[in-house]
Amino acid sequence: MNNRIYYLDHIRVFLTILVLFHHAALPYTQIGFYVSEMENGTAASLLEFFVAINQAFFMGFFFFLSGYFTPLSFERKVPSQFVKDRLLRLGIPVLVYLFILSPIVQFMTLTNNQSFWMFYKTEILTFQRLDLGPIWFAEVLLIFTMIYVLYRLLIKKSLIIESKPFPPSKALFLTALLLGICTFLVRLAFPVGYWILGIQVAYLPSYLLFFYAGITAGRKNWLQTVSRKTTKQWVWCFVIVGPLLPLSLIFSKGNPMGGFNIPALTYAMWEPFIGFGICLGMLAWFKKYANHTSTLWKTLSRSAFTVYIIHPIIIVGYTLLLAGIALHPLLKFAIVGIAGTITSFLIATVIVKIPYVNKIV
């Protein structure tokens, strides 16, 4: 059990760092992250492809890891204590981000001379510019977790841990196919970029599947039975399928974010095959090469969630510092990503030592 926790914790640290670099890339694309330099050309295209690869798997992987530990955590506590714990650990960070961190980030990007208090009073307290930012993950995870609690209360059965073989490639292929079709259909009504209560509906099918897969993997010990052959097949799938999205955008017309068109269908079908391949490859690599712990790993693991919460202020801050400097976008991206990661972890390491705060994050 300890070995499994080690490499899964390390994957979580890696994913957290990837989130920071993901958001460091966005300002130099057409997407933006609170601030945008609206770059065009090769650099923007490369960063947008990097962002698309990330989006295909990294948040889903977070949901998988959360789901993996949910059943055992539920078993260790009475339901009321489990719910209270999740409300504290997920609900409070959502509120802190909404009413403290997000207003600061938004104020940093204002171009007028409005005072912070005036901005807060007219925009935040009136709920006109409430923005969940990246903390939407905690909101959705809390919703998924409460659904799981309700399910466990309704079936009134204790958790049964049983070792079952990991699904074969054929089953994974059919799952990816169905997920792609479902995602395409959802995006006919809710394209990428369409938010409801801080949630991108376009990605919900994937997040829900990954969370459920994590719960099932924990209950059936799937991660102990993943075959090398299956992993190899899906890593090759990632390598082969990866270039298909940019090729589709070059040779067909339409909006890949949603709608009834070839690029939208390609994007929706492309994501699960990319995501499954990367996740299986990472699980195998981290289990083989990072299935150990150290003082550094423990520090990074302990601080990872806090880094996730606070990083927008730091990433946006460094982006604004570089905004007036004539540097190549890829170099700016690297500087913001590296400096943002180091700064975020240093600050988070201090935050998690604060009494009472360390009970939540």
Protein backbone atom coordinates (compact mmCIF):
# COMPACT_ATOMS: atom_id res chain seq x y z
CA MET A 1 0.00 0.00 0.00
CA ASN A 2 2.83 2.40 0.86
CA ASN A 3 4.58 1.72 -2.44
CA ARG A 4 1.40 2.54 -4.33
CA ILE A 5 0.92 5.75 -2.38
CA TYR A 6 4.48 6.86 -3.11
CA TYR A 7 4.29 6.79 -6.88
CA LEU A 8 0.72 8.06 -7.04
CA ASP A 9 1.68 10.99 -4.82
CA HIS A 10 4.59 11.72 -7.13
CA ILE A 11 2.30 11.66 -10.15
CA ARG A 12 0.12 14.21 -8.37
CA VAL A 13 3.16 16.46 -7.87
CA PHE A 14 4.07 16.14 -11.55
CA LEU A 15 0.50 16.95 -12.62
CA THR A 16 0.50 20.01 -10.36
CA ILE A 17 3.70 21.28 -11.98
CA LEU A 18 2.15 20.58 -15.38
CA VAL A 19 -0.87 22.72 -14.41
CA LEU A 20 1.47 25.63 -13.69
CA PHE A 21 3.23 25.27 -17.05
CA HIS A 22 -0.16 24.87 -18.73
CA HIS A 23 -1.28 28.21 -17.33
CA ALA A 24 2.12 29.74 -18.08
CA ALA A 25 1.56 28.82 -21.74
CA LEU A 26 -1.98 30.20 -22.08
CA PRO A 27 -1.12 33.94 -22.12
CA TYR A 28 0.98 33.35 -25.25
CA THR A 29 -1.85 31.66 -27.14
CA GLN A 30 -5.23 32.84 -28.37
CA ILE A 31 -6.79 31.46 -25.16
CA GLY A 32 -5.20 33.53 -22.40
CA PHE A 33 -5.07 33.08 -18.63
CA TYR A 34 -6.42 36.24 -16.96
CA VAL A 35 -4.06 38.13 -19.28
CA SER A 36 -3.21 37.50 -22.93
CA GLU A 37 -0.52 38.78 -25.26
CA MET A 38 -2.47 37.34 -28.22
CA GLU A 39 0.53 35.77 -29.91
CA ASN A 40 0.27 34.26 -33.38
CA GLY A 41 2.55 32.11 -35.47
CA THR A 42 4.58 28.99 -34.78
CA ALA A 43 5.17 29.64 -31.07
CA ALA A 44 1.47 30.07 -30.37
CA SER A 45 0.63 26.93 -32.38
CA LEU A 46 3.19 24.87 -30.46
CA LEU A 47 1.91 26.12 -27.12
CA GLU A 48 -1.71 25.51 -28.15
CA PHE A 49 -0.81 21.91 -29.07
CA PHE A 50 0.94 21.57 -25.68
CA VAL A 51 -2.24 22.88 -24.01
CA ALA A 52 -4.43 20.48 -26.01
CA ILE A 53 -2.27 17.49 -25.01
CA ASN A 54 -2.48 18.52 -21.35
CA GLN A 55 -6.23 19.05 -21.49
CA ALA A 56 -6.69 15.55 -22.87
CA PHE A 57 -5.43 13.91 -19.70
CA PHE A 58 -4.11 15.94 -16.77
CA MET A 59 -7.32 17.03 -15.06
CA GLY A 60 -8.91 13.65 -15.75
CA PHE A 61 -5.87 12.05 -14.11
CA PHE A 62 -6.42 14.26 -11.04
CA PHE A 63 -9.99 12.94 -10.84
CA PHE A 64 -8.72 9.37 -11.26
CA LEU A 65 -6.29 9.75 -8.35
CA SER A 66 -8.96 11.36 -6.17
CA GLY A 67 -11.42 8.59 -7.01
CA TYR A 68 -8.82 5.93 -6.28
CA PHE A 69 -8.53 6.91 -2.62
CA THR A 70 -12.18 7.87 -2.06
CA PRO A 71 -13.65 4.43 -1.13
CA LEU A 72 -10.98 3.62 1.46
CA SER A 73 -11.22 7.10 2.94
CA PHE A 74 -14.99 6.71 3.20
CA GLU A 75 -14.58 3.36 4.97
CA ARG A 76 -12.27 4.79 7.62
CA LYS A 77 -14.81 7.35 8.83
CA VAL A 78 -18.48 7.54 9.62
CA PRO A 79 -20.34 9.21 6.70
CA SER A 80 -20.97 12.47 8.56
CA GLN A 81 -17.28 12.84 9.41
CA PHE A 82 -16.28 12.01 5.83
CA VAL A 83 -18.66 14.67 4.47
CA LYS A 84 -17.42 17.25 7.00
CA ASP A 85 -13.82 16.50 6.09
CA ARG A 86 -14.50 16.95 2.35
CA LEU A 87 -16.45 20.15 2.91
CA LEU A 88 -13.50 21.57 4.84
CA ARG A 89 -10.75 20.38 2.48
CA LEU A 90 -12.57 21.23 -0.75
CA GLY A 91 -15.26 23.77 0.16
CA ILE A 92 -13.06 26.22 2.08
CA PRO A 93 -10.41 26.44 -0.70
CA VAL A 94 -13.23 27.22 -3.16
CA LEU A 95 -14.47 30.08 -0.95
CA VAL A 96 -10.95 31.38 -0.31
CA TYR A 97 -10.22 31.46 -4.01
CA LEU A 98 -13.57 33.04 -4.91
CA PHE A 99 -13.44 35.88 -2.38
CA ILE A 100 -9.72 36.43 -1.78
CA LEU A 101 -7.35 35.04 -4.41
CA SER A 102 -9.46 35.53 -7.52
CA PRO A 103 -10.21 39.22 -6.75
CA ILE A 104 -6.48 39.84 -6.29
CA VAL A 105 -5.65 38.16 -9.62
CA GLN A 106 -8.36 40.08 -11.43
CA PHE A 107 -7.30 43.39 -9.85
CA MET A 108 -3.71 42.77 -10.98
CA THR A 109 -4.88 42.75 -14.59
CA LEU A 110 -7.02 45.91 -14.42
CA THR A 111 -5.87 48.79 -16.61
CA ASN A 112 -7.78 51.57 -14.85
CA ASN A 113 -6.91 53.38 -11.62
CA GLN A 114 -9.76 51.90 -9.60
CA SER A 115 -8.88 51.08 -5.99
CA PHE A 116 -8.95 47.48 -4.84
CA TRP A 117 -11.75 48.16 -2.35
CA MET A 118 -13.90 49.88 -4.96
CA PHE A 119 -13.30 47.00 -7.37
CA TYR A 120 -14.13 44.48 -4.64
CA LYS A 121 -17.28 46.31 -3.60
CA THR A 122 -18.66 46.91 -7.10
CA GLU A 123 -17.54 43.73 -8.85
CA ILE A 124 -17.03 40.96 -6.28
CA LEU A 125 -19.58 41.70 -3.56
CA THR A 126 -22.21 42.20 -6.27
CA PHE A 127 -21.24 38.74 -7.69
CA GLN A 128 -20.59 40.26 -11.13
CA ARG A 129 -17.02 38.98 -11.45
CA LEU A 130 -16.90 35.92 -9.25
CA ASP A 131 -14.42 33.61 -10.92
CA LEU A 132 -13.51 30.10 -9.81
CA GLY A 133 -10.42 29.93 -12.00
CA PRO A 134 -8.56 26.62 -11.60
CA ILE A 135 -10.29 25.89 -8.28
CA TRP A 136 -13.28 24.64 -10.30
CA PHE A 137 -11.57 21.28 -9.86
CA ALA A 138 -12.31 21.31 -6.11
CA GLU A 139 -15.92 22.30 -6.82
CA VAL A 140 -16.48 19.44 -9.28
CA LEU A 141 -14.60 16.95 -7.09
CA LEU A 142 -16.81 17.92 -4.14
CA ILE A 143 -19.93 17.31 -6.26
CA PHE A 144 -18.64 13.94 -7.48
CA THR A 145 -17.70 12.95 -3.93
CA MET A 146 -21.12 13.84 -2.54
CA ILE A 147 -22.74 11.74 -5.28
CA TYR A 148 -20.52 8.84 -4.21
CA VAL A 149 -21.51 9.35 -0.55
CA LEU A 150 -25.19 9.29 -1.50
CA TYR A 151 -24.64 6.10 -3.49
CA ARG A 152 -22.88 4.37 -0.58
CA LEU A 153 -25.63 5.41 1.83
CA LEU A 154 -28.31 4.07 -0.51
CA ILE A 155 -26.72 0.66 -1.11
CA LYS A 156 -25.77 0.26 2.56
CA LYS A 157 -22.92 -2.14 1.80
CA SER A 158 -19.38 -2.26 3.10
CA LEU A 159 -16.50 -1.85 0.68
CA ILE A 160 -15.18 -5.12 -0.69
CA ILE A 161 -11.61 -5.04 -1.98
CA GLU A 162 -11.03 -7.71 -4.61
CA SER A 163 -8.17 -8.21 -7.04
CA LYS A 164 -9.43 -8.22 -10.60
CA PRO A 165 -7.45 -8.07 -13.86
CA PHE A 166 -6.99 -4.66 -15.43
CA PRO A 167 -9.28 -4.20 -18.45
CA PRO A 168 -7.73 -5.42 -21.73
CA SER A 169 -6.90 -3.05 -24.57
CA LYS A 170 -10.10 -4.00 -26.42
CA ALA A 171 -12.26 -2.84 -23.49
CA LEU A 172 -10.23 0.36 -23.17
CA PHE A 173 -10.58 0.98 -26.91
CA LEU A 174 -14.37 0.65 -26.75
CA THR A 175 -14.46 2.90 -23.67
CA ALA A 176 -12.37 5.55 -25.41
CA LEU A 177 -14.58 5.30 -28.48
CA LEU A 178 -17.79 5.74 -26.47
CA LEU A 179 -16.27 8.58 -24.44
CA GLY A 180 -15.28 10.36 -27.64
CA ILE A 181 -18.77 10.03 -29.09
CA CYS A 182 -20.37 11.21 -25.85
CA THR A 183 -18.01 14.18 -25.67
CA PHE A 184 -18.77 15.12 -29.29
CA LEU A 185 -22.52 15.02 -28.59
CA VAL A 186 -22.17 17.12 -25.42
CA ARG A 187 -20.14 19.71 -27.31
CA LEU A 188 -22.90 20.14 -29.87
CA ALA A 189 -24.73 22.05 -27.13
CA PHE A 190 -21.85 23.02 -24.82
CA PRO A 191 -18.65 23.75 -26.79
CA VAL A 192 -15.25 24.07 -25.16
CA GLY A 193 -15.10 27.45 -23.46
CA TYR A 194 -18.76 27.41 -22.38
CA TRP A 195 -18.88 27.65 -18.60
CA ILE A 196 -21.76 26.93 -16.22
CA LEU A 197 -21.13 27.80 -12.55
CA GLY A 198 -17.41 27.77 -13.19
CA ILE A 199 -17.49 24.35 -14.88
CA GLN A 200 -16.66 23.51 -18.48
CA VAL A 201 -19.44 21.10 -19.38
CA ALA A 202 -17.52 20.04 -22.50
CA TYR A 203 -15.09 18.03 -20.37
CA LEU A 204 -17.49 16.62 -17.79
CA PRO A 205 -17.95 13.20 -19.50
CA SER A 206 -14.20 12.63 -19.31
CA TYR A 207 -13.89 13.83 -15.70
CA LEU A 208 -16.79 11.68 -14.56
CA LEU A 209 -15.38 8.60 -16.29
CA PHE A 210 -11.91 9.11 -14.81
CA PHE A 211 -13.33 9.58 -11.31
CA TYR A 212 -15.43 6.42 -11.63
CA ALA A 213 -12.43 4.55 -13.07
CA GLY A 214 -10.36 5.65 -10.08
CA ILE A 215 -12.97 4.34 -7.64
CA THR A 216 -13.14 1.04 -9.50
CA ALA A 217 -9.35 0.77 -9.73
CA GLY A 218 -9.04 1.20 -5.97
CA ARG A 219 -11.75 -1.35 -5.25
CA LYS A 220 -10.39 -3.96 -7.68
CA ASN A 221 -6.65 -3.35 -7.25
CA TRP A 222 -6.37 -2.63 -10.97
CA LEU A 223 -3.08 -0.77 -10.66
CA GLN A 224 -1.40 -3.96 -9.48
CA THR A 225 -2.47 -5.88 -12.58
CA VAL A 226 -1.78 -3.50 -15.47
CA SER A 227 0.13 -5.56 -18.01
CA ARG A 228 3.22 -4.28 -19.77
CA LYS A 229 1.65 -5.26 -23.08
CA THR A 230 -1.44 -3.10 -22.49
CA THR A 231 0.68 -0.14 -21.43
CA LYS A 232 2.91 -0.48 -24.47
CA GLN A 233 -0.06 -0.66 -26.83
CA TRP A 234 -1.58 2.52 -25.44
CA VAL A 235 1.68 4.45 -25.40
CA TRP A 236 2.03 3.61 -29.09
CA CYS A 237 -1.58 4.70 -29.53
CA PHE A 238 -0.65 8.09 -28.10
CA VAL A 239 2.34 8.38 -30.43
CA ILE A 240 0.32 7.46 -33.53
CA VAL A 241 -2.87 9.38 -32.73
CA GLY A 242 -1.09 12.53 -31.45
CA PRO A 243 -0.45 14.18 -34.86
CA LEU A 244 -4.01 13.56 -36.11
CA LEU A 245 -5.50 16.63 -34.44
CA PRO A 246 -3.19 19.23 -36.04
CA LEU A 247 -3.53 17.42 -39.38
CA SER A 248 -7.31 17.60 -39.06
CA LEU A 249 -7.14 21.34 -38.40
CA ILE A 250 -4.93 21.82 -41.47
CA PHE A 251 -6.98 19.78 -43.94
CA SER A 252 -10.56 20.37 -42.77
CA LYS A 253 -12.61 23.43 -41.87
CA GLY A 254 -14.77 23.93 -38.80
CA ASN A 255 -14.62 24.82 -35.12
CA PRO A 256 -12.80 22.10 -33.14
CA MET A 257 -14.29 23.43 -29.90
CA GLY A 258 -17.75 22.09 -30.76
CA GLY A 259 -20.50 21.83 -33.32
CA PHE A 260 -21.30 19.42 -36.13
CA ASN A 261 -18.06 19.46 -38.09
CA ILE A 262 -15.01 17.27 -38.76
CA PRO A 263 -12.48 19.11 -36.52
CA ALA A 264 -14.91 18.98 -33.56
CA LEU A 265 -15.45 15.25 -34.09
CA THR A 266 -11.71 14.64 -34.48
CA TYR A 267 -10.91 16.63 -31.32
CA ALA A 268 -13.55 14.83 -29.25
CA MET A 269 -12.40 11.39 -30.47
CA TRP A 270 -8.71 12.30 -30.21
CA GLU A 271 -8.75 13.27 -26.53
CA PRO A 272 -9.60 9.92 -24.87
CA PHE A 273 -7.09 7.96 -26.96
CA ILE A 274 -4.38 10.48 -26.10
CA GLY A 275 -5.45 10.61 -22.46
CA PHE A 276 -5.54 6.85 -21.91
CA GLY A 277 -2.12 6.44 -23.51
CA ILE A 278 -0.42 9.14 -21.44
CA CYS A 279 -2.02 8.04 -18.16
CA LEU A 280 -1.02 4.39 -18.60
CA GLY A 281 2.48 5.40 -19.63
CA MET A 282 2.87 7.66 -16.60
CA LEU A 283 1.57 5.02 -14.22
CA ALA A 284 4.13 2.51 -15.53
CA TRP A 285 7.03 4.99 -15.54
CA PHE A 286 6.42 6.40 -12.06
CA LYS A 287 5.83 2.97 -10.58
CA LYS A 288 9.14 1.75 -11.99
CA TYR A 289 11.35 4.80 -11.42
CA ALA A 290 9.68 6.87 -8.69
CA ASN A 291 8.24 4.27 -6.34
CA HIS A 292 10.15 5.61 -3.35
CA THR A 293 10.12 8.60 -1.06
CA SER A 294 12.51 11.18 0.34
CA THR A 295 12.38 14.42 2.29
CA LEU A 296 12.10 16.41 -0.94
CA TRP A 297 9.30 14.21 -2.32
CA LYS A 298 7.42 14.44 0.98
CA THR A 299 7.72 18.23 0.98
CA LEU A 300 6.53 18.51 -2.62
CA SER A 301 3.65 16.09 -2.05
CA ARG A 302 2.54 17.90 1.10
CA SER A 303 2.52 21.26 -0.68
CA ALA A 304 1.01 20.22 -4.04
CA PHE A 305 -2.65 21.07 -3.36
CA THR A 306 -1.71 24.43 -1.82
CA VAL A 307 0.38 25.17 -4.92
CA TYR A 308 -2.66 24.39 -7.06
CA ILE A 309 -4.74 26.89 -5.07
CA ILE A 310 -2.32 29.82 -4.98
CA HIS A 311 -0.47 29.52 -8.29
CA PRO A 312 -2.69 31.86 -10.43
CA ILE A 313 -1.47 34.94 -8.51
CA ILE A 314 2.15 33.93 -9.06
CA ILE A 315 1.82 32.86 -12.70
CA VAL A 316 -0.11 36.01 -13.63
CA GLY A 317 2.37 38.13 -11.67
CA TYR A 318 5.37 36.81 -13.59
CA THR A 319 3.45 37.09 -16.88
CA LEU A 320 2.75 40.77 -16.20
CA LEU A 321 6.39 41.40 -15.25
CA LEU A 322 7.51 40.07 -18.63
CA ALA A 323 4.72 41.74 -20.60
CA GLY A 324 6.75 44.79 -21.57
CA ILE A 325 9.97 42.92 -22.35
CA ALA A 326 10.84 41.91 -25.91
CA LEU A 327 11.47 38.18 -25.56
CA HIS A 328 10.43 35.21 -27.66
CA PRO A 329 7.08 33.79 -26.44
CA LEU A 330 8.59 30.34 -25.84
CA LEU A 331 11.30 31.89 -23.66
CA LYS A 332 8.69 33.85 -21.72
CA PHE A 333 6.69 30.66 -21.27
CA ALA A 334 9.75 28.85 -19.91
CA ILE A 335 10.67 31.69 -17.53
CA VAL A 336 7.13 32.06 -16.18
CA GLY A 337 6.73 28.28 -15.83
CA ILE A 338 10.02 27.68 -14.03
CA ALA A 339 9.93 30.78 -11.82
CA GLY A 340 6.22 30.25 -11.08
CA THR A 341 6.77 26.64 -10.07
CA ILE A 342 9.69 27.37 -7.75
CA THR A 343 7.97 30.37 -6.15
CA SER A 344 4.65 28.56 -5.71
CA PHE A 345 6.22 25.58 -3.96
CA LEU A 346 8.35 27.79 -1.70
CA ILE A 347 5.32 29.80 -0.59
CA ALA A 348 3.13 26.70 -0.26
CA THR A 349 5.74 25.02 1.93
CA VAL A 350 5.35 27.88 4.41
CA ILE A 351 1.54 27.97 4.19
CA VAL A 352 1.11 24.28 5.04
CA LYS A 353 2.97 24.87 8.31
CA ILE A 354 0.52 27.52 9.54
CA PRO A 355 -1.62 26.20 12.44
CA TYR A 356 -5.26 25.47 11.54
CA VAL A 357 -4.54 26.21 7.87
CA ASN A 358 -2.62 22.94 7.71
CA LYS A 359 -5.79 21.12 8.72
CA ILE A 360 -7.38 22.13 5.42
CA VAL A 361 -4.62 22.16 2.82
